[in-house]
């Protein structure tokens, strides 16, 4: 017979299963939170890099004829997309795609640092003793490291072009990729799909139509002001300028929202549907006033920069300033238009009339500043054509 006293004590099921605390201790939860914070930090860095690249890209396009319609089209689409979705974050279009370009540029710069260093050593050796074995050795080494750098850059770009891809070459993955069939076709398709996803033809066509519509809105007031500047008689010139300023005030009051409505509808005739925009205004009068105030206020810094012609090496500053200030203005215009579209009831009549009256001094001050710029900026009377808050953002080209 078995002696039960010699058997080991029975282990219960509850005792044999690890407790929940042992599976997920507080330390693991803390590590999980730290991991999320770390990922969130790098996601923020990635987003900020994309925003910086986007600003620089829009600024560069802004001063290139024809391509500057891309910049204008993007800014118009910002307002239209917020108007369609009702979400402010929808206006930050292509930030992550721009971040990929920024990572590619930064990673390429890092990889080329050794190449530049070796190139400097070779040039120094040539200056000291031209054609010497040392100089030839540095030259051969320069060729080798340049080829390796080019391969490394291409491989990092194929893997995604992020900074981590430049910091670690992943040699095993590289040799596996080299043994795959159709690898270059995949690379070609990826590049073409990325370019297609940018929607460049769409923004170009949108910007061109938005430009034409804005010119139609501004043609009469600007031409009247331009004519007033050519009149020698002071009383007559003052009357003509007042008439032109009045028409400009009317155009400025509507044009930002007309462009947002146009981007939302996607039809050219939307640029002239005044009744529709007035109906939307009645449902969000305060938001309209705030966005109009921001649009005209943010347009002023560029006029200040044009008081004196900047040095040639600083000619890029006005274009960057334009994008930095006009982009948030377009966000606010889209936000205001979205609020008006989504509200069913009109705002209280007090707010509607108060907003209308509050717009008058704003657009009046803007019209006065625009008129004054012809006597202050280096472009003279031609500055009347530089309505950069609504037209092609190419201040240095006098558009």
Protein backbone atom coordinates (compact mmCIF):
# COMPACT_ATOMS: atom_id res chain seq x y z
CA UNK A 1 0.00 0.00 0.00
CA UNK A 2 1.08 3.56 -0.63
CA UNK A 3 2.16 5.68 2.25
CA UNK A 4 0.37 8.93 1.64
CA UNK A 5 2.58 10.64 4.13
CA UNK A 6 5.52 10.24 1.74
CA UNK A 7 3.77 11.86 -1.24
CA UNK A 8 4.52 15.52 -2.06
CA UNK A 9 1.81 17.98 -1.09
CA UNK A 10 -0.88 18.59 -3.71
CA UNK A 11 -0.38 21.76 -5.76
CA UNK A 12 -3.60 23.58 -6.56
CA UNK A 13 -4.39 24.89 -10.04
CA UNK A 14 -4.53 28.46 -8.76
CA UNK A 15 -1.05 28.15 -7.26
CA UNK A 16 0.43 26.64 -10.45
CA UNK A 17 -0.84 29.45 -12.71
CA UNK A 18 1.13 32.73 -12.51
CA UNK A 19 -0.84 35.61 -11.15
CA UNK A 20 -1.82 38.55 -13.31
CA UNK A 21 0.55 40.76 -11.38
CA UNK A 22 3.49 38.52 -12.28
CA UNK A 23 2.56 38.59 -15.98
CA UNK A 24 2.11 42.36 -16.16
CA UNK A 25 4.01 43.92 -13.28
CA UNK A 26 4.02 47.71 -12.78
CA UNK A 27 7.50 47.81 -14.25
CA UNK A 28 6.26 46.41 -17.55
CA UNK A 29 3.39 48.88 -17.63
CA UNK A 30 5.85 51.67 -17.00
CA UNK A 31 8.06 50.44 -19.82
CA UNK A 32 5.02 50.28 -22.09
CA UNK A 33 4.16 53.89 -21.28
CA UNK A 34 7.74 54.98 -21.85
CA UNK A 35 7.73 53.16 -25.19
CA UNK A 36 4.56 54.98 -26.24
CA UNK A 37 6.01 58.31 -25.14
CA UNK A 38 9.20 57.58 -27.10
CA UNK A 39 7.25 56.67 -30.22
CA UNK A 40 5.05 59.73 -29.81
CA UNK A 41 8.13 61.92 -29.51
CA UNK A 42 9.63 60.61 -32.74
CA UNK A 43 6.27 60.86 -34.44
CA UNK A 44 6.18 64.53 -33.45
CA UNK A 45 9.74 65.02 -34.71
CA UNK A 46 8.74 63.34 -37.98
CA UNK A 47 5.70 65.62 -38.30
CA UNK A 48 7.72 68.77 -37.57
CA UNK A 49 10.30 67.75 -40.16
CA UNK A 50 7.53 67.25 -42.69
CA UNK A 51 6.07 70.67 -41.89
CA UNK A 52 9.47 72.32 -42.33
CA UNK A 53 10.08 70.56 -45.65
CA UNK A 54 6.59 71.47 -46.82
CA UNK A 55 7.12 75.15 -46.00
CA UNK A 56 10.45 75.20 -47.83
CA UNK A 57 8.96 73.35 -50.80
CA UNK A 58 6.00 75.74 -51.10
CA UNK A 59 8.35 78.71 -50.75
CA UNK A 60 10.58 77.42 -53.55
CA UNK A 61 7.62 76.78 -55.84
CA UNK A 62 6.24 80.23 -55.02
CA UNK A 63 8.98 81.99 -56.96
CA UNK A 64 9.07 79.70 -60.02
CA UNK A 65 6.78 80.79 -62.87
CA UNK A 66 4.00 78.31 -63.69
CA UNK A 67 5.03 76.03 -60.83
CA UNK A 68 3.87 78.71 -58.42
CA UNK A 69 0.33 77.63 -59.29
CA UNK A 70 1.16 74.44 -57.38
CA UNK A 71 1.83 76.49 -54.27
CA UNK A 72 -1.37 78.48 -54.67
CA UNK A 73 -3.38 75.33 -55.45
CA UNK A 74 -2.11 73.64 -52.31
CA UNK A 75 -3.05 76.62 -50.13
CA UNK A 76 -6.52 76.81 -51.67
CA UNK A 77 -6.98 73.07 -51.16
CA UNK A 78 -6.11 73.50 -47.47
CA UNK A 79 -9.23 75.63 -46.98
CA UNK A 80 -11.36 73.40 -49.18
CA UNK A 81 -10.39 70.18 -47.43
CA UNK A 82 -11.19 71.59 -43.99
CA UNK A 83 -14.49 72.88 -45.34
CA UNK A 84 -15.34 69.39 -46.65
CA UNK A 85 -14.32 67.39 -43.59
CA UNK A 86 -14.88 69.84 -40.76
CA UNK A 87 -11.53 68.81 -39.27
CA UNK A 88 -8.63 71.22 -38.87
CA UNK A 89 -6.05 68.44 -39.14
CA UNK A 90 -7.31 67.67 -42.66
CA UNK A 91 -5.67 70.91 -43.79
CA UNK A 92 -2.17 69.62 -43.07
CA UNK A 93 -1.94 67.86 -46.40
CA UNK A 94 1.06 65.69 -47.23
CA UNK A 95 3.01 66.33 -44.02
CA UNK A 96 4.16 62.71 -43.72
CA UNK A 97 5.09 62.54 -47.41
CA UNK A 98 7.14 65.72 -47.01
CA UNK A 99 8.80 64.20 -43.95
CA UNK A 100 10.00 61.30 -46.09
CA UNK A 101 11.70 63.80 -48.41
CA UNK A 102 13.25 65.58 -45.43
CA UNK A 103 14.57 62.31 -44.02
CA UNK A 104 16.01 61.42 -47.42
CA UNK A 105 17.80 64.77 -47.68
CA UNK A 106 19.10 64.67 -44.10
CA UNK A 107 20.24 61.05 -44.43
CA UNK A 108 22.00 61.75 -47.71
CA UNK A 109 23.82 64.68 -46.11
CA UNK A 110 25.01 62.46 -43.25
CA UNK A 111 26.22 59.69 -45.56
CA UNK A 112 28.13 62.17 -47.71
CA UNK A 113 30.03 63.60 -44.74
CA UNK A 114 32.88 61.03 -45.03
CA UNK A 115 32.99 61.62 -48.78
CA UNK A 116 33.48 65.35 -48.24
CA UNK A 117 36.15 64.66 -45.61
CA UNK A 118 38.12 62.33 -47.89
CA UNK A 119 37.71 64.76 -50.78
CA UNK A 120 39.28 67.47 -48.64
CA UNK A 121 42.20 65.20 -47.74
CA UNK A 122 42.78 64.38 -51.41
CA UNK A 123 42.74 68.05 -52.42
CA UNK A 124 45.18 68.91 -49.62
CA UNK A 125 47.51 66.09 -50.74
CA UNK A 126 47.36 67.38 -54.32
CA UNK A 127 48.23 70.89 -53.18
CA UNK A 128 51.20 69.67 -51.15
CA UNK A 129 52.62 67.24 -53.70
CA UNK A 130 50.68 66.91 -56.94
CA UNK A 131 50.70 63.41 -58.41
CA UNK A 132 52.38 61.88 -55.37
CA UNK A 133 51.58 58.31 -54.22
CA UNK A 134 49.78 59.78 -51.20
CA UNK A 135 47.56 61.94 -53.38
CA UNK A 136 46.81 59.00 -55.69
CA UNK A 137 45.99 56.85 -52.67
CA UNK A 138 43.53 59.41 -51.37
CA UNK A 139 42.01 59.68 -54.85
CA UNK A 140 41.47 55.93 -55.10
CA UNK A 141 40.01 55.90 -51.61
CA UNK A 142 37.71 58.78 -52.59
CA UNK A 143 36.37 56.81 -55.58
CA UNK A 144 35.77 53.74 -53.41
CA UNK A 145 33.99 55.59 -50.62
CA UNK A 146 31.92 57.56 -53.14
CA UNK A 147 30.69 54.35 -54.77
CA UNK A 148 29.88 52.84 -51.38
CA UNK A 149 28.05 56.00 -50.33
CA UNK A 150 26.01 56.01 -53.52
CA UNK A 151 25.02 52.37 -52.99
CA UNK A 152 24.18 53.06 -49.35
CA UNK A 153 22.01 56.06 -50.26
CA UNK A 154 20.19 54.13 -52.97
CA UNK A 155 19.60 51.17 -50.63
CA UNK A 156 18.35 53.42 -47.83
CA UNK A 157 15.98 55.16 -50.27
CA UNK A 158 14.67 51.79 -51.47
CA UNK A 159 13.96 50.72 -47.88
CA UNK A 160 11.95 53.87 -47.18
CA UNK A 161 14.41 56.74 -46.91
CA UNK A 162 14.03 57.21 -43.14
CA UNK A 163 16.98 58.26 -41.00
CA UNK A 164 17.22 54.79 -39.44
CA UNK A 165 17.73 53.34 -42.90
CA UNK A 166 20.77 55.58 -43.40
CA UNK A 167 22.21 54.83 -39.97
CA UNK A 168 22.11 51.03 -40.43
CA UNK A 169 22.75 49.54 -43.89
CA UNK A 170 21.12 46.12 -43.13
CA UNK A 171 23.62 44.15 -45.26
CA UNK A 172 21.85 40.77 -44.90
CA UNK A 173 18.59 42.27 -46.10
CA UNK A 174 20.47 43.93 -48.96
CA UNK A 175 21.89 40.65 -50.28
CA UNK A 176 18.50 38.97 -49.96
CA UNK A 177 16.94 41.83 -51.91
CA UNK A 178 19.58 41.53 -54.60
CA UNK A 179 18.56 37.91 -55.13
CA UNK A 180 14.90 38.75 -55.69
CA UNK A 181 13.28 38.84 -59.13
CA UNK A 182 11.66 42.02 -60.40
CA UNK A 183 13.24 44.19 -57.71
CA UNK A 184 13.93 47.12 -60.01
CA UNK A 185 10.39 47.02 -61.36
CA UNK A 186 9.12 47.28 -57.80
CA UNK A 187 11.37 50.27 -57.17
CA UNK A 188 10.15 51.99 -60.33
CA UNK A 189 6.51 51.36 -59.43
CA UNK A 190 7.03 52.64 -55.90
CA UNK A 191 8.57 55.87 -57.17
CA UNK A 192 5.80 56.38 -59.72
CA UNK A 193 3.10 55.67 -57.13
CA UNK A 194 4.69 58.18 -54.74
CA UNK A 195 4.76 60.87 -57.42
CA UNK A 196 1.20 60.07 -58.44
CA UNK A 197 0.03 60.28 -54.83
CA UNK A 198 1.34 63.85 -54.63
CA UNK A 199 -1.45 64.97 -56.95
CA UNK A 200 0.65 67.59 -58.69
CA UNK A 201 -1.62 67.98 -61.76
CA UNK A 202 -4.61 68.49 -59.47
CA UNK A 203 -2.94 71.25 -57.45
CA UNK A 204 -1.58 72.90 -60.60
CA UNK A 205 -5.03 73.04 -62.22
CA UNK A 206 -6.69 74.12 -58.96
CA UNK A 207 -4.15 76.89 -58.45
CA UNK A 208 -4.47 78.16 -62.01
CA UNK A 209 -8.26 78.38 -61.80
CA UNK A 210 -8.07 79.96 -58.36
CA UNK A 211 -5.63 82.50 -59.74
CA UNK A 212 -7.87 83.37 -62.68
CA UNK A 213 -10.89 83.75 -60.42
CA UNK A 214 -8.99 86.01 -58.03
CA UNK A 215 -7.77 88.15 -60.92
CA UNK A 216 -11.37 88.61 -62.08
CA UNK A 217 -12.41 89.67 -58.59
CA UNK A 218 -9.48 92.08 -58.17
CA UNK A 219 -9.18 93.41 -61.72
CA UNK A 220 -11.63 96.31 -61.39
CA UNK A 221 -10.43 97.74 -58.04
CA UNK A 222 -6.74 97.29 -58.84
CA UNK A 223 -7.07 98.90 -62.27
CA UNK A 224 -8.96 101.83 -60.77
CA UNK A 225 -6.25 102.31 -58.14
CA UNK A 226 -3.59 101.93 -60.81
CA UNK A 227 -5.31 104.59 -62.90
CA UNK A 228 -5.68 106.88 -59.90
CA UNK A 229 -1.92 106.81 -59.41
CA UNK A 230 -1.43 108.15 -62.94
CA UNK A 231 -3.75 111.17 -62.52
CA UNK A 232 -1.94 114.44 -61.91
CA UNK A 233 -4.91 116.31 -60.47
CA UNK A 234 -4.95 115.72 -56.72
CA UNK A 235 -8.75 116.09 -56.14
CA UNK A 236 -9.61 113.82 -59.07
CA UNK A 237 -6.96 111.29 -58.06
CA UNK A 238 -8.39 111.20 -54.52
CA UNK A 239 -11.90 110.51 -55.83
CA UNK A 240 -10.67 107.75 -58.16
CA UNK A 241 -8.62 106.20 -55.36
CA UNK A 242 -11.62 106.23 -53.02
CA UNK A 243 -13.73 104.47 -55.65
CA UNK A 244 -11.01 101.87 -56.23
CA UNK A 245 -10.56 101.34 -52.49
CA UNK A 246 -14.30 100.82 -52.10
CA UNK A 247 -14.35 98.13 -54.78
CA UNK A 248 -11.25 96.55 -53.24
CA UNK A 249 -12.94 96.41 -49.83
CA UNK A 250 -15.86 94.52 -51.35
CA UNK A 251 -13.60 92.06 -53.18
CA UNK A 252 -11.42 91.44 -50.14
CA UNK A 253 -14.46 90.74 -47.97
CA UNK A 254 -15.54 87.85 -50.20
CA UNK A 255 -12.47 86.49 -51.96
CA UNK A 256 -10.93 84.24 -49.24
CA UNK A 257 -14.26 82.48 -48.75
CA UNK A 258 -14.94 82.32 -52.47
CA UNK A 259 -11.69 80.42 -52.93
CA UNK A 260 -12.57 78.07 -50.05
CA UNK A 261 -16.01 77.50 -51.60
CA UNK A 262 -14.36 76.87 -54.97
CA UNK A 263 -11.99 74.27 -53.49
CA UNK A 264 -14.88 72.63 -51.66
CA UNK A 265 -17.10 72.42 -54.76
CA UNK A 266 -14.33 71.92 -57.33
CA UNK A 267 -16.17 74.00 -59.93
CA UNK A 268 -14.93 77.30 -61.36
CA UNK A 269 -18.36 78.96 -61.14
CA UNK A 270 -18.25 78.52 -57.37
CA UNK A 271 -15.80 81.43 -57.29
CA UNK A 272 -18.70 83.74 -58.12
CA UNK A 273 -21.58 82.23 -56.12
CA UNK A 274 -21.91 85.18 -53.78
CA UNK A 275 -25.33 84.17 -52.46
CA UNK A 276 -24.03 80.79 -51.30
CA UNK A 277 -21.13 82.35 -49.41
CA UNK A 278 -23.44 84.93 -47.84
CA UNK A 279 -25.71 82.12 -46.62
CA UNK A 280 -22.75 80.30 -45.08
CA UNK A 281 -21.60 83.56 -43.46
CA UNK A 282 -24.97 84.03 -41.75
CA UNK A 283 -24.52 80.72 -39.93
CA UNK A 284 -21.00 81.49 -38.65
CA UNK A 285 -20.53 85.29 -38.69
CA UNK A 286 -17.98 85.51 -35.88
CA UNK A 287 -15.81 82.75 -37.36
CA UNK A 288 -15.91 84.52 -40.73
CA UNK A 289 -14.85 87.79 -39.14
CA UNK A 290 -11.99 86.15 -37.24
CA UNK A 291 -10.65 84.32 -40.30
CA UNK A 292 -10.88 87.43 -42.49
CA UNK A 293 -9.04 89.46 -39.85
CA UNK A 294 -6.28 86.81 -39.69
CA UNK A 295 -5.99 86.60 -43.48
CA UNK A 296 -5.52 90.34 -43.95
CA UNK A 297 -3.32 90.71 -40.88
CA UNK A 298 -1.02 87.87 -41.92
CA UNK A 299 -0.65 89.41 -45.38
CA UNK A 300 0.97 92.57 -43.97
CA UNK A 301 4.46 91.24 -43.04
CA UNK A 302 5.32 90.60 -46.67
CA UNK A 303 4.39 94.18 -47.59
CA UNK A 304 6.77 95.36 -44.86
CA UNK A 305 9.59 93.21 -46.24
CA UNK A 306 9.12 94.79 -49.68
CA UNK A 307 9.77 98.33 -48.45
CA UNK A 308 13.44 97.82 -49.34
CA UNK A 309 14.88 95.40 -51.89
CA UNK A 310 16.59 92.59 -49.93
CA UNK A 311 20.16 91.49 -50.74
CA UNK A 312 20.48 88.79 -53.37
CA UNK A 313 21.52 86.13 -50.85
CA UNK A 314 18.40 86.87 -48.76
CA UNK A 315 15.93 87.00 -51.64
CA UNK A 316 14.31 83.76 -50.42
CA UNK A 317 13.10 85.28 -47.13
CA UNK A 318 9.90 86.96 -48.48
CA UNK A 319 8.74 83.69 -50.00
CA UNK A 320 9.22 81.77 -46.75
CA UNK A 321 7.48 84.54 -44.81
CA UNK A 322 4.57 84.32 -47.23
CA UNK A 323 4.05 80.59 -46.63
CA UNK A 324 4.53 80.82 -42.86
CA UNK A 325 1.84 83.48 -42.50
CA UNK A 326 -0.65 82.61 -45.25
CA UNK A 327 -0.83 78.91 -44.42
CA UNK A 328 -2.48 79.43 -40.99
CA UNK A 329 -4.78 82.02 -42.55
CA UNK A 330 -5.98 79.41 -45.05
CA UNK A 331 -6.56 77.00 -42.17
CA UNK A 332 -8.77 79.54 -40.41
CA UNK A 333 -10.73 80.33 -43.57
CA UNK A 334 -11.45 76.63 -44.06
CA UNK A 335 -12.45 76.29 -40.41
CA UNK A 336 -14.86 79.25 -40.63
CA UNK A 337 -16.41 77.99 -43.85
CA UNK A 338 -16.80 74.52 -42.35
CA UNK A 339 -18.64 75.90 -39.31
CA UNK A 340 -21.03 77.76 -41.57
CA UNK A 341 -21.70 74.70 -43.71
CA UNK A 342 -22.48 72.45 -40.77
CA UNK A 343 -24.75 74.75 -38.83
CA UNK A 344 -28.43 74.57 -39.68
CA UNK A 345 -29.59 77.79 -38.05
CA UNK A 346 -28.47 81.31 -38.76
CA UNK A 347 -26.50 83.14 -36.12
CA UNK A 348 -28.30 85.69 -34.01
CA UNK A 349 -28.93 88.90 -35.91
CA UNK A 350 -26.82 90.83 -33.41
CA UNK A 351 -23.78 88.73 -34.24
CA UNK A 352 -24.46 88.90 -37.97
CA UNK A 353 -24.68 92.68 -38.12
CA UNK A 354 -21.91 93.17 -35.60
CA UNK A 355 -19.60 91.00 -37.70
CA UNK A 356 -20.49 92.92 -40.84
CA UNK A 357 -19.76 96.25 -39.20
CA UNK A 358 -16.57 94.87 -37.65
CA UNK A 359 -15.33 93.81 -41.09
CA UNK A 360 -15.51 97.36 -42.44
CA UNK A 361 -12.53 98.82 -40.52
CA UNK A 362 -10.45 95.70 -41.23
CA UNK A 363 -10.93 95.71 -45.00
CA UNK A 364 -10.70 99.51 -45.01
CA UNK A 365 -7.32 99.42 -43.27
CA UNK A 366 -6.13 96.71 -45.67
CA UNK A 367 -7.23 98.72 -48.71
CA UNK A 368 -5.40 101.77 -47.36
CA UNK A 369 -2.20 99.79 -46.78
CA UNK A 370 -2.39 98.31 -50.29
CA UNK A 371 -2.81 101.80 -51.72
CA UNK A 372 0.07 103.08 -49.58
CA UNK A 373 2.49 100.35 -50.68
CA UNK A 374 2.91 101.93 -54.10
CA UNK A 375 4.72 104.81 -52.40
CA UNK A 376 6.73 102.68 -49.97
CA UNK A 377 7.86 99.49 -51.71
CA UNK A 378 10.61 99.05 -54.29
CA UNK A 379 8.10 97.95 -56.96
CA UNK A 380 6.22 101.26 -56.85
CA UNK A 381 2.81 101.30 -58.51
CA UNK A 382 3.25 97.72 -59.68
CA UNK A 383 2.92 96.62 -56.06
CA UNK A 384 -0.84 97.10 -56.47
CA UNK A 385 -0.80 93.90 -58.51
CA UNK A 386 0.87 91.95 -55.69
CA UNK A 387 -2.22 90.74 -53.86
CA UNK A 388 -0.31 87.83 -52.39
CA UNK A 389 -3.08 86.95 -49.91
CA UNK A 390 -5.20 85.74 -52.85
CA UNK A 391 -3.02 85.45 -55.95
CA UNK A 392 0.04 83.46 -56.96
CA UNK A 393 2.55 83.73 -54.10
CA UNK A 394 5.46 85.05 -56.16
CA UNK A 395 6.35 88.41 -54.59
CA UNK A 396 9.87 88.53 -55.97
CA UNK A 397 8.59 88.16 -59.51
CA UNK A 398 6.14 91.04 -59.14
CA UNK A 399 3.08 88.86 -59.69
